[in-house]
Amino acid sequence: MTEPDAQDSRPAARNRLRQDVGIIVWTSFLAAGLETMGFFAYFDPALLGVHSVPEALGSNRMAGYTAGFFFFWVFTFIAATLTAYLLATGPRRADRS
């Protein structure tokens, strides 16, 4: 049999995981939005010379903005996930009160 304390911690751990995933996705989304605005304020996606995009996908400015946003979102998601992992697995500090 399992201990009651172990069973009670499973829903709490699941809720904590959901909260962590939500925080990571939301903060990386907001950061990607800011990065996209900053990047494309200086660079026009039509002039960046991305010629490898097939014509069927429509290589226009909106496709460039969309691809740039998802590019930034993936990298900020990776950075936020790595940060959360390092915070969760790092050494604990003793209270210095």
C-alpha atoms as a PDB file:
ATOM      1  CA  MET A   1       0.000   0.000   0.000  1.00  0.00           C
ATOM      2  CA  THR A   2       1.087   3.525  -0.569  1.00  0.00           C
ATOM      3  CA  GLU A   3       1.187   6.143   2.108  1.00  0.00           C
ATOM      4  CA  PRO A   4      -1.620   8.729   2.162  1.00  0.00           C
ATOM      5  CA  ASP A   5       0.918  11.570   2.040  1.00  0.00           C
ATOM      6  CA  ALA A   6       2.353  10.290  -1.250  1.00  0.00           C
ATOM      7  CA  GLN A   7      -1.120  10.117  -2.797  1.00  0.00           C
ATOM      8  CA  ASP A   8      -1.979  13.641  -1.638  1.00  0.00           C
ATOM      9  CA  SER A   9       1.145  15.091  -3.228  1.00  0.00           C
ATOM     10  CA  ARG A  10       0.341  13.799  -6.727  1.00  0.00           C
ATOM     11  CA  PRO A  11      -2.494  16.270  -7.491  1.00  0.00           C
ATOM     12  CA  ALA A  12      -0.432  19.097  -6.002  1.00  0.00           C
ATOM     13  CA  ALA A  13       2.559  18.159  -8.156  1.00  0.00           C
ATOM     14  CA  ARG A  14       0.331  17.939 -11.235  1.00  0.00           C
ATOM     15  CA  ASN A  15      -1.164  21.360 -10.510  1.00  0.00           C
ATOM     16  CA  ARG A  16       2.311  22.800  -9.976  1.00  0.00           C
ATOM     17  CA  LEU A  17       3.453  21.355 -13.317  1.00  0.00           C
ATOM     18  CA  ARG A  18       0.437  22.891 -15.091  1.00  0.00           C
ATOM     19  CA  GLN A  19       1.169  26.227 -13.461  1.00  0.00           C
ATOM     20  CA  ASP A  20       4.834  26.075 -14.464  1.00  0.00           C
ATOM     21  CA  VAL A  21       3.980  25.192 -18.078  1.00  0.00           C
ATOM     22  CA  GLY A  22       1.459  28.030 -18.219  1.00  0.00           C
ATOM     23  CA  ILE A  23       3.986  30.513 -16.870  1.00  0.00           C
ATOM     24  CA  ILE A  24       6.665  29.363 -19.305  1.00  0.00           C
ATOM     25  CA  VAL A  25       4.365  29.485 -22.352  1.00  0.00           C
ATOM     26  CA  TRP A  26       2.849  32.854 -21.439  1.00  0.00           C
ATOM     27  CA  THR A  27       6.117  34.629 -20.626  1.00  0.00           C
ATOM     28  CA  SER A  28       7.829  33.258 -23.737  1.00  0.00           C
ATOM     29  CA  PHE A  29       4.834  34.390 -25.819  1.00  0.00           C
ATOM     30  CA  LEU A  30       5.041  37.922 -24.432  1.00  0.00           C
ATOM     31  CA  ALA A  31       8.819  38.058 -24.895  1.00  0.00           C
ATOM     32  CA  ALA A  32       8.511  36.800 -28.479  1.00  0.00           C
ATOM     33  CA  GLY A  33       5.961  39.512 -29.208  1.00  0.00           C
ATOM     34  CA  LEU A  34       8.320  42.206 -27.925  1.00  0.00           C
ATOM     35  CA  GLU A  35      11.280  40.703 -29.793  1.00  0.00           C
ATOM     36  CA  THR A  36       9.258  40.551 -33.008  1.00  0.00           C
ATOM     37  CA  MET A  37       8.211  44.183 -32.711  1.00  0.00           C
ATOM     38  CA  GLY A  38      11.764  45.291 -31.994  1.00  0.00           C
ATOM     39  CA  PHE A  39      13.324  43.228 -34.773  1.00  0.00           C
ATOM     40  CA  PHE A  40      10.840  44.132 -37.476  1.00  0.00           C
ATOM     41  CA  ALA A  41      10.943  47.812 -36.550  1.00  0.00           C
ATOM     42  CA  TYR A  42      14.391  47.798 -38.156  1.00  0.00           C
ATOM     43  CA  PHE A  43      14.171  44.985 -40.713  1.00  0.00           C
ATOM     44  CA  ASP A  44      11.578  44.544 -43.437  1.00  0.00           C
ATOM     45  CA  PRO A  45      10.799  40.850 -43.951  1.00  0.00           C
ATOM     46  CA  ALA A  46      10.309  41.416 -47.691  1.00  0.00           C
ATOM     47  CA  LEU A  47      13.859  42.761 -47.985  1.00  0.00           C
ATOM     48  CA  LEU A  48      15.608  40.109 -45.877  1.00  0.00           C
ATOM     49  CA  GLY A  49      16.176  37.943 -48.938  1.00  0.00           C
ATOM     50  CA  VAL A  50      14.460  34.765 -47.814  1.00  0.00           C
ATOM     51  CA  HIS A  51      14.109  33.107 -51.201  1.00  0.00           C
ATOM     52  CA  SER A  52      13.814  29.548 -49.969  1.00  0.00           C
ATOM     53  CA  VAL A  53      10.118  29.943 -49.140  1.00  0.00           C
ATOM     54  CA  PRO A  54       7.994  28.235 -51.807  1.00  0.00           C
ATOM     55  CA  GLU A  55       5.538  30.445 -53.667  1.00  0.00           C
ATOM     56  CA  ALA A  56       2.663  28.236 -52.509  1.00  0.00           C
ATOM     57  CA  LEU A  57       3.287  29.399 -48.942  1.00  0.00           C
ATOM     58  CA  GLY A  58       3.120  33.003 -50.039  1.00  0.00           C
ATOM     59  CA  SER A  59       6.414  34.719 -49.368  1.00  0.00           C
ATOM     60  CA  ASN A  60       4.955  38.049 -48.355  1.00  0.00           C
ATOM     61  CA  ARG A  61       5.492  40.334 -45.389  1.00  0.00           C
ATOM     62  CA  MET A  62       2.838  38.703 -43.209  1.00  0.00           C
ATOM     63  CA  ALA A  63       4.473  35.292 -43.665  1.00  0.00           C
ATOM     64  CA  GLY A  64       7.800  36.863 -42.660  1.00  0.00           C
ATOM     65  CA  TYR A  65       6.281  38.383 -39.534  1.00  0.00           C
ATOM     66  CA  THR A  66       4.652  35.077 -38.643  1.00  0.00           C
ATOM     67  CA  ALA A  67       7.811  33.044 -39.190  1.00  0.00           C
ATOM     68  CA  GLY A  68       9.847  35.567 -37.223  1.00  0.00           C
ATOM     69  CA  PHE A  69       7.395  35.480 -34.308  1.00  0.00           C
ATOM     70  CA  PHE A  70       7.448  31.690 -34.104  1.00  0.00           C
ATOM     71  CA  PHE A  71      11.245  31.678 -34.420  1.00  0.00           C
ATOM     72  CA  PHE A  72      11.513  34.063 -31.463  1.00  0.00           C
ATOM     73  CA  TRP A  73       8.845  32.154 -29.523  1.00  0.00           C
ATOM     74  CA  VAL A  74      10.682  28.837 -29.840  1.00  0.00           C
ATOM     75  CA  PHE A  75      13.946  30.304 -28.578  1.00  0.00           C
ATOM     76  CA  THR A  76      12.353  32.194 -25.689  1.00  0.00           C
ATOM     77  CA  PHE A  77      10.406  29.041 -24.776  1.00  0.00           C
ATOM     78  CA  ILE A  78      13.654  27.060 -24.656  1.00  0.00           C
ATOM     79  CA  ALA A  79      15.324  29.751 -22.549  1.00  0.00           C
ATOM     80  CA  ALA A  80      12.376  29.953 -20.122  1.00  0.00           C
ATOM     81  CA  THR A  81      12.198  26.165 -19.814  1.00  0.00           C
ATOM     82  CA  LEU A  82      15.914  25.941 -19.111  1.00  0.00           C
ATOM     83  CA  THR A  83      15.629  28.688 -16.496  1.00  0.00           C
ATOM     84  CA  ALA A  84      12.706  26.946 -14.778  1.00  0.00           C
ATOM     85  CA  TYR A  85      14.594  23.657 -14.790  1.00  0.00           C
ATOM     86  CA  LEU A  86      17.713  25.213 -13.292  1.00  0.00           C
ATOM     87  CA  LEU A  87      15.671  26.965 -10.608  1.00  0.00           C
ATOM     88  CA  ALA A  88      13.841  23.753  -9.712  1.00  0.00           C
ATOM     89  CA  THR A  89      16.941  21.558  -9.559  1.00  0.00           C
ATOM     90  CA  GLY A  90      19.417  24.017  -8.102  1.00  0.00           C
ATOM     91  CA  PRO A  91      20.708  23.883  -4.546  1.00  0.00           C
ATOM     92  CA  ARG A  92      18.381  25.224  -1.894  1.00  0.00           C
ATOM     93  CA  ARG A  93      19.527  28.155   0.192  1.00  0.00           C
ATOM     94  CA  ALA A  94      19.076  28.126   3.927  1.00  0.00           C
ATOM     95  CA  ASP A  95      17.030  30.974   5.377  1.00  0.00           C
ATOM     96  CA  ARG A  96      19.324  33.630   6.741  1.00  0.00           C
ATOM     97  CA  SER A  97      17.012  35.346   9.184  1.00  0.00           C
END
